[in-house]
């Protein structure tokens, strides 16, 4: 029955399980371990745990299981494994699949920590990594080889908001036998269709829109049941990157309002992008949901909305961008995104500061680039705040 529910119903009810007390709000099972009726029962569970049987919180927990089942139902995935952070999800999905000698093809436009995992960690252990322009299908075709193990990309790149054609890249990868791993944070779980479009594995930083209220770190890996339980789970439970029960409960509560928040944020982001087009203090307004974006038609086809983030290229470089940031009154200066509060970030000096100037130039991370994550504040108030801050430039 759950598969017939629409998004908002799944976000409230999918995966629910109740104790003998029949509580309305999901229970938090704050326990690190579980008791067995006998030594024989303990032995049997370690050999093979049933769907509602648990061993140790690092392996699984009833509250965590509710979160995993709810996000899997929303995403259209067979299963999920909840992690301690978004980067635990990215690194866990990649490392659990790879070994020395494997080849990976990745989009070049990535969050700084994702680049670190690919450039520094994987290569340190003998994995070959080839980077391409994620929007260039010919580059993908040229780079994916017969021995390519997987391809990796952000469906919408951080912070330049380039959009990858998931369906086309998946067809290229699958033709060579490679798996497709998609980081779907900017697309959001509300507008996501990555698995339906051909992604084998989807990862999220649940810190963003899923919690979406600045409270806790978390992540999740989604895919086939065989992949999650036979590849991801053994790696994650032995290396310790699993989600805590309290965090899972916070995520469950966040999911109840996620669709309402994200849709309101996307509507405001589009209104802001329209209001800022042609502003004299800006070189460019980047928003995938606006007709000016080069992949706008792809966004309409695959997502239906442009997400919750806008990037602005402020004329005058870093000094001008800093004047803009410092003049904001409602929008906060921070480095998160997907939050109920609007947040502005200067990627060149924060999230992507470890990159060389040459790398920043290739990715389009200019000194004047500001990433603006739109919150749920009043649309007119946010537009007015950005407009008055631009006057300080």
Protein backbone atom coordinates (compact mmCIF):
# COMPACT_ATOMS: atom_id res chain seq x y z
CA UNK A 1 0.00 0.00 0.00
CA UNK A 2 2.84 2.38 0.86
CA UNK A 3 4.06 2.46 -2.74
CA UNK A 4 0.74 4.00 -3.82
CA UNK A 5 1.04 6.94 -1.43
CA UNK A 6 2.00 10.40 -2.66
CA UNK A 7 5.08 12.27 -1.44
CA UNK A 8 3.61 14.12 1.54
CA UNK A 9 1.91 10.99 2.87
CA UNK A 10 5.13 8.96 2.61
CA UNK A 11 7.04 11.70 4.43
CA UNK A 12 4.67 11.45 7.40
CA UNK A 13 3.91 7.73 7.60
CA UNK A 14 6.33 5.53 5.62
CA UNK A 15 8.37 3.09 7.70
CA UNK A 16 6.46 3.76 10.92
CA UNK A 17 6.59 1.11 13.64
CA UNK A 18 5.06 1.39 17.10
CA UNK A 19 5.88 -0.14 20.44
CA UNK A 20 3.35 -1.82 22.72
CA UNK A 21 2.29 1.67 23.86
CA UNK A 22 1.04 2.71 20.39
CA UNK A 23 2.66 6.14 20.50
CA UNK A 24 1.73 8.75 17.85
CA UNK A 25 5.21 10.25 17.46
CA UNK A 26 7.97 7.80 16.60
CA UNK A 27 9.84 6.44 19.61
CA UNK A 28 13.56 7.05 20.18
CA UNK A 29 15.27 3.80 21.08
CA UNK A 30 18.34 5.18 22.83
CA UNK A 31 20.13 1.90 23.36
CA UNK A 32 23.49 0.64 22.15
CA UNK A 33 22.59 -3.05 22.43
CA UNK A 34 19.80 -5.61 22.64
CA UNK A 35 19.01 -8.59 24.91
CA UNK A 36 18.53 -12.18 23.70
CA UNK A 37 16.26 -14.80 25.26
CA UNK A 38 19.04 -17.38 25.15
CA UNK A 39 22.58 -18.02 23.98
CA UNK A 40 21.10 -19.94 21.08
CA UNK A 41 18.99 -16.93 20.10
CA UNK A 42 22.07 -14.70 20.18
CA UNK A 43 23.94 -17.12 17.95
CA UNK A 44 21.05 -17.28 15.49
CA UNK A 45 20.73 -13.50 15.26
CA UNK A 46 24.43 -13.05 14.56
CA UNK A 47 24.13 -15.61 11.78
CA UNK A 48 21.14 -13.82 10.24
CA UNK A 49 19.07 -11.06 11.81
CA UNK A 50 15.40 -10.82 10.82
CA UNK A 51 13.79 -7.62 9.48
CA UNK A 52 12.88 -6.38 12.97
CA UNK A 53 15.79 -7.92 14.88
CA UNK A 54 18.76 -5.85 15.99
CA UNK A 55 22.23 -6.60 17.35
CA UNK A 56 24.08 -3.39 18.10
CA UNK A 57 23.40 0.29 17.39
CA UNK A 58 26.33 0.46 14.98
CA UNK A 59 24.61 -2.28 12.95
CA UNK A 60 21.05 -0.97 13.19
CA UNK A 61 18.35 0.35 15.50
CA UNK A 62 14.51 0.56 15.37
CA UNK A 63 14.47 4.37 15.13
CA UNK A 64 17.21 4.40 12.50
CA UNK A 65 15.35 1.69 10.59
CA UNK A 66 12.24 3.87 10.46
CA UNK A 67 14.26 6.68 8.91
CA UNK A 68 15.91 4.33 6.40
CA UNK A 69 12.59 2.86 5.31
CA UNK A 70 10.92 6.28 5.05
CA UNK A 71 13.62 7.84 2.87
CA UNK A 72 13.84 4.69 0.73
CA UNK A 73 10.07 4.80 0.13
CA UNK A 74 10.31 8.46 -0.86
CA UNK A 75 13.28 7.91 -3.18
CA UNK A 76 11.89 4.76 -4.79
CA UNK A 77 14.87 2.72 -3.63
CA UNK A 78 14.77 -0.83 -2.28
CA UNK A 79 16.82 -0.01 0.81
CA UNK A 80 18.92 2.60 2.60
CA UNK A 81 21.69 2.85 5.16
CA UNK A 82 21.76 5.91 7.43
CA UNK A 83 25.14 7.47 8.19
CA UNK A 84 26.65 9.89 10.68
CA UNK A 85 27.07 12.69 8.12
CA UNK A 86 26.71 13.46 4.44
CA UNK A 87 30.41 12.88 3.86
CA UNK A 88 30.16 9.51 5.65
CA UNK A 89 27.53 8.65 3.04
CA UNK A 90 29.68 9.79 0.10
CA UNK A 91 32.88 8.12 1.31
CA UNK A 92 31.02 4.99 2.46
CA UNK A 93 29.24 4.53 -0.87
CA UNK A 94 32.45 4.95 -2.85
CA UNK A 95 34.98 3.14 -0.67
CA UNK A 96 32.73 0.15 0.01
CA UNK A 97 32.56 -0.47 -3.76
CA UNK A 98 36.19 0.14 -4.72
CA UNK A 99 39.58 -1.52 -4.39
CA UNK A 100 43.09 -0.90 -5.73
CA UNK A 101 43.22 -0.93 -9.52
CA UNK A 102 39.62 0.20 -10.05
CA UNK A 103 38.80 3.15 -12.30
CA UNK A 104 36.34 5.95 -11.46
CA UNK A 105 35.04 8.72 -13.69
CA UNK A 106 33.74 11.78 -11.83
CA UNK A 107 32.31 15.15 -12.69
CA UNK A 108 34.86 17.82 -11.84
CA UNK A 109 32.40 20.25 -10.25
CA UNK A 110 32.01 18.91 -6.71
CA UNK A 111 31.87 20.01 -3.07
CA UNK A 112 35.38 20.44 -1.67
CA UNK A 113 35.23 17.43 0.66
CA UNK A 114 33.99 15.20 -2.18
CA UNK A 115 36.97 16.31 -4.26
CA UNK A 116 39.26 15.46 -1.34
CA UNK A 117 37.90 11.91 -1.13
CA UNK A 118 38.35 11.39 -4.87
CA UNK A 119 41.69 13.18 -5.33
CA UNK A 120 43.45 12.33 -2.08
CA UNK A 121 41.86 9.31 -0.40
CA UNK A 122 40.93 7.01 -3.29
CA UNK A 123 44.12 7.63 -5.25
CA UNK A 124 46.19 6.98 -2.10
CA UNK A 125 44.86 3.42 -2.12
CA UNK A 126 45.40 2.75 -5.81
CA UNK A 127 42.11 3.85 -7.37
CA UNK A 128 42.46 5.72 -10.67
CA UNK A 129 40.18 8.76 -10.99
CA UNK A 130 39.39 10.65 -14.20
CA UNK A 131 37.60 14.01 -13.98
CA UNK A 132 35.31 15.39 -16.69
CA UNK A 133 32.99 18.32 -17.30
CA UNK A 134 29.76 16.84 -15.93
CA UNK A 135 27.60 18.67 -18.48
CA UNK A 136 29.58 17.34 -21.48
CA UNK A 137 28.21 13.97 -22.60
CA UNK A 138 31.03 13.50 -25.12
CA UNK A 139 33.53 13.88 -22.28
CA UNK A 140 31.72 11.13 -20.35
CA UNK A 141 31.74 8.87 -23.41
CA UNK A 142 35.46 9.42 -23.91
CA UNK A 143 36.34 8.83 -20.25
CA UNK A 144 34.23 5.77 -19.33
CA UNK A 145 36.21 2.61 -20.15
CA UNK A 146 35.53 -1.11 -20.17
CA UNK A 147 37.24 -1.35 -16.77
CA UNK A 148 35.45 1.65 -15.20
CA UNK A 149 33.92 0.53 -11.90
CA UNK A 150 31.67 3.52 -11.24
CA UNK A 151 30.84 7.08 -12.21
CA UNK A 152 30.15 9.80 -9.65
CA UNK A 153 28.57 13.22 -9.90
CA UNK A 154 26.45 15.78 -8.10
CA UNK A 155 23.17 15.93 -10.00
CA UNK A 156 23.33 19.70 -9.45
CA UNK A 157 26.86 20.92 -8.77
CA UNK A 158 27.94 22.85 -5.68
CA UNK A 159 28.18 25.88 -5.96
CA UNK A 160 27.99 26.59 -9.70
CA UNK A 161 24.65 24.75 -10.14
CA UNK A 162 25.66 22.93 -13.33
CA UNK A 163 23.11 20.17 -13.97
CA UNK A 164 24.06 16.64 -15.09
CA UNK A 165 21.85 14.69 -17.48
CA UNK A 166 21.42 11.68 -15.18
CA UNK A 167 19.62 9.53 -17.73
CA UNK A 168 22.22 10.06 -20.46
CA UNK A 169 25.23 9.56 -18.18
CA UNK A 170 23.63 6.42 -16.72
CA UNK A 171 23.18 4.99 -20.21
CA UNK A 172 26.85 5.69 -21.00
CA UNK A 173 28.02 4.10 -17.74
CA UNK A 174 25.76 1.06 -17.90
CA UNK A 175 26.85 0.32 -21.48
CA UNK A 176 30.34 -0.28 -20.05
CA UNK A 177 29.12 -2.12 -16.95
CA UNK A 178 29.84 0.76 -14.56
CA UNK A 179 27.63 1.71 -11.61
CA UNK A 180 26.19 5.22 -11.24
CA UNK A 181 26.55 7.01 -7.89
CA UNK A 182 24.70 10.35 -7.65
CA UNK A 183 24.99 12.95 -4.90
CA UNK A 184 21.49 14.42 -4.98
CA UNK A 185 21.63 17.10 -2.26
CA UNK A 186 20.92 20.16 -4.41
CA UNK A 187 18.15 18.39 -6.33
CA UNK A 188 16.54 17.60 -2.92
CA UNK A 189 14.64 14.40 -2.05
CA UNK A 190 11.40 16.23 -2.85
CA UNK A 191 12.21 16.80 -6.53
CA UNK A 192 14.57 13.85 -7.01
CA UNK A 193 14.07 11.27 -9.74
CA UNK A 194 17.67 10.06 -9.90
CA UNK A 195 16.94 6.35 -9.38
CA UNK A 196 14.08 6.42 -11.88
CA UNK A 197 16.48 8.09 -14.34
CA UNK A 198 19.07 5.34 -13.95
CA UNK A 199 21.24 6.03 -10.90
CA UNK A 200 22.21 2.83 -9.07
CA UNK A 201 23.15 4.58 -5.83
CA UNK A 202 21.97 7.92 -4.42
CA UNK A 203 23.59 9.71 -1.49
CA UNK A 204 22.32 12.65 0.57
CA UNK A 205 23.60 14.85 3.29
CA UNK A 206 20.50 14.58 5.48
CA UNK A 207 21.83 17.63 7.32
CA UNK A 208 20.41 19.69 4.49
CA UNK A 209 16.75 19.57 3.46
CA UNK A 210 15.88 16.38 5.37
CA UNK A 211 16.60 17.89 8.78
CA UNK A 212 16.67 21.31 7.18
CA UNK A 213 16.55 23.15 10.48
CA UNK A 214 20.19 23.37 11.48
CA UNK A 215 20.02 20.80 14.27
CA UNK A 216 22.15 17.79 13.48
CA UNK A 217 24.49 16.03 11.04
CA UNK A 218 23.42 12.98 9.06
CA UNK A 219 23.56 11.22 5.73
CA UNK A 220 22.05 8.32 3.85
CA UNK A 221 23.02 5.89 1.08
CA UNK A 222 20.20 4.47 -1.08
CA UNK A 223 20.22 1.63 -3.58
CA UNK A 224 19.26 -1.98 -4.15
CA UNK A 225 18.75 -4.18 -1.09
CA UNK A 226 21.64 -6.41 -2.16
CA UNK A 227 24.02 -3.45 -2.49
CA UNK A 228 22.98 -1.83 0.79
CA UNK A 229 23.06 -5.00 2.92
CA UNK A 230 25.96 -6.88 1.28
CA UNK A 231 28.30 -4.03 0.28
CA UNK A 232 27.49 -0.88 2.27
CA UNK A 233 26.36 -2.35 5.61
CA UNK A 234 29.47 -4.51 6.22
CA UNK A 235 31.75 -1.58 5.49
CA UNK A 236 29.79 0.98 7.51
CA UNK A 237 29.16 -1.19 10.58
CA UNK A 238 32.83 -2.17 10.84
CA UNK A 239 34.19 1.36 10.25
CA UNK A 240 31.68 3.09 12.53
CA UNK A 241 29.95 5.64 10.33
CA UNK A 242 26.35 4.78 11.23
CA UNK A 243 23.68 7.26 12.34
CA UNK A 244 22.70 7.66 15.99
CA UNK A 245 19.10 6.89 17.07
CA UNK A 246 18.55 10.45 18.29
CA UNK A 247 19.70 11.86 14.94
CA UNK A 248 17.37 9.45 13.12
CA UNK A 249 14.45 10.70 15.24
CA UNK A 250 15.31 14.32 14.38
CA UNK A 251 15.41 13.36 10.70
CA UNK A 252 12.00 11.66 10.94
CA UNK A 253 10.54 14.82 12.42
CA UNK A 254 12.22 16.91 9.71
CA UNK A 255 10.78 14.73 6.97
CA UNK A 256 7.21 15.42 8.09
CA UNK A 257 7.54 19.04 6.93
CA UNK A 258 10.22 18.65 4.26
CA UNK A 259 7.95 18.85 1.22
CA UNK A 260 6.22 21.95 2.57
CA UNK A 261 9.55 23.64 3.31
CA UNK A 262 11.34 22.69 0.10
CA UNK A 263 8.49 23.67 -2.21
CA UNK A 264 8.18 27.05 -0.48
CA UNK A 265 11.94 27.56 -0.70
CA UNK A 266 12.02 26.70 -4.41
CA UNK A 267 9.17 29.13 -5.11
CA UNK A 268 11.03 31.92 -3.31
CA UNK A 269 14.29 31.03 -5.06
CA UNK A 270 12.62 31.39 -8.46
CA UNK A 271 11.03 34.71 -7.47
CA UNK A 272 14.40 35.98 -6.27
CA UNK A 273 16.16 34.85 -9.45
CA UNK A 274 13.57 36.69 -11.53
CA UNK A 275 13.88 39.85 -9.41
CA UNK A 276 17.69 39.88 -9.67
CA UNK A 277 18.00 39.29 -13.42
CA UNK A 278 19.90 42.17 -15.04
CA UNK A 279 20.85 43.82 -11.73
CA UNK A 280 23.66 46.28 -12.30
CA UNK A 281 25.79 44.99 -9.42
CA UNK A 282 25.75 41.39 -10.68
CA UNK A 283 27.61 39.74 -13.54
CA UNK A 284 25.34 36.73 -13.44
CA UNK A 285 22.39 35.18 -11.58
CA UNK A 286 22.54 31.36 -11.64
CA UNK A 287 19.36 29.45 -10.88
CA UNK A 288 18.48 26.17 -12.62
CA UNK A 289 14.75 26.90 -12.41
CA UNK A 290 15.08 30.13 -14.42
CA UNK A 291 14.93 30.21 -18.22
CA UNK A 292 18.39 31.83 -18.38
CA UNK A 293 20.10 28.70 -17.05
CA UNK A 294 21.78 26.64 -19.81
CA UNK A 295 20.27 23.37 -18.52
CA UNK A 296 16.83 24.81 -17.74
CA UNK A 297 14.98 22.43 -20.07
CA UNK A 298 16.79 19.46 -18.51
CA UNK A 299 15.76 20.69 -15.05
CA UNK A 300 12.12 20.97 -16.09
CA UNK A 301 12.23 17.46 -17.55
CA UNK A 302 14.01 15.71 -14.69
CA UNK A 303 13.07 17.71 -11.57
CA UNK A 304 10.21 20.04 -12.28
CA UNK A 305 11.76 22.80 -10.15
CA UNK A 306 15.14 24.44 -9.75
CA UNK A 307 15.87 23.67 -6.12
CA UNK A 308 16.51 25.97 -3.18
CA UNK A 309 19.90 27.51 -4.02
CA UNK A 310 20.87 30.53 -6.13
CA UNK A 311 24.41 31.58 -7.00
CA UNK A 312 25.23 35.24 -7.61
CA UNK A 313 28.39 36.55 -9.26
CA UNK A 314 28.95 39.97 -7.71
CA UNK A 315 30.83 42.53 -9.82
CA UNK A 316 34.06 43.64 -8.16
CA UNK A 317 35.37 40.29 -6.93
CA UNK A 318 35.96 39.23 -3.34
CA UNK A 319 35.91 42.71 -1.81
CA UNK A 320 32.53 43.45 -3.37
CA UNK A 321 31.18 40.03 -2.40
CA UNK A 322 32.26 40.58 1.20
CA UNK A 323 30.56 44.01 1.27
CA UNK A 324 27.39 42.35 0.00
CA UNK A 325 27.57 39.57 2.60
CA UNK A 326 28.28 41.95 5.46
CA UNK A 327 25.30 44.14 4.54
CA UNK A 328 22.75 41.32 4.70
CA UNK A 329 20.32 41.67 7.60
CA UNK A 330 18.02 38.61 7.34
CA UNK A 331 20.25 36.23 5.42
CA UNK A 332 22.92 34.65 7.64
CA UNK A 333 26.57 34.14 6.71
CA UNK A 334 27.31 30.45 7.19
CA UNK A 335 28.36 27.40 5.18
CA UNK A 336 25.29 25.17 5.36
CA UNK A 337 22.45 24.97 2.84
CA UNK A 338 18.93 23.57 2.60
CA UNK A 339 18.04 25.18 5.93
CA UNK A 340 14.81 26.86 7.01
CA UNK A 341 16.93 29.99 7.53
CA UNK A 342 18.42 31.71 4.48
CA UNK A 343 22.21 31.35 4.36
CA UNK A 344 24.86 33.03 2.21
CA UNK A 345 28.29 31.48 1.58
CA UNK A 346 31.45 32.69 -0.17
CA UNK A 347 32.72 29.39 -1.62
CA UNK A 348 36.15 30.62 -2.74
CA UNK A 349 37.18 31.40 0.84
CA UNK A 350 35.20 28.73 2.73
CA UNK A 351 33.79 25.48 1.30
CA UNK A 352 36.19 25.41 -1.68
CA UNK A 353 39.11 27.39 -0.23
CA UNK A 354 41.54 24.43 -0.39
CA UNK A 355 41.36 24.41 -4.19
CA UNK A 356 44.06 26.17 -6.18
CA UNK A 357 43.19 29.31 -8.12
CA UNK A 358 43.51 27.29 -11.32
CA UNK A 359 41.02 24.70 -10.06
CA UNK A 360 38.60 27.42 -8.99
CA UNK A 361 38.84 29.03 -12.42
CA UNK A 362 38.09 25.71 -14.15
CA UNK A 363 35.05 25.15 -11.92
CA UNK A 364 33.77 28.72 -12.26
CA UNK A 365 34.26 29.54 -8.57
CA UNK A 366 35.12 33.19 -9.00
CA UNK A 367 36.12 35.63 -6.22
CA UNK A 368 32.74 37.32 -6.62
CA UNK A 369 30.63 34.15 -6.42
CA UNK A 370 28.13 33.95 -3.55
CA UNK A 371 25.99 30.86 -2.89
CA UNK A 372 22.60 31.78 -1.48
CA UNK A 373 20.53 29.01 0.12
CA UNK A 374 16.96 30.28 0.27
CA UNK A 375 15.02 29.64 3.48
CA UNK A 376 11.34 29.78 4.39
CA UNK A 377 11.23 33.47 5.37
CA UNK A 378 8.78 35.77 3.59
CA UNK A 379 9.66 36.06 -0.09
CA UNK A 380 9.31 39.86 -0.25
CA UNK A 381 11.45 40.31 2.86
CA UNK A 382 14.25 38.16 1.44
CA UNK A 383 14.26 39.92 -1.92
CA UNK A 384 14.32 43.30 -0.17
CA UNK A 385 17.24 42.18 2.01
CA UNK A 386 19.30 41.05 -0.97
CA UNK A 387 18.49 44.23 -2.87
CA UNK A 388 19.56 46.50 -0.01
CA UNK A 389 22.76 44.50 0.50
CA UNK A 390 23.64 44.93 -3.18
CA UNK A 391 23.43 48.67 -2.68
CA UNK A 392 26.45 48.34 -0.35
CA UNK A 393 28.56 46.95 -3.20
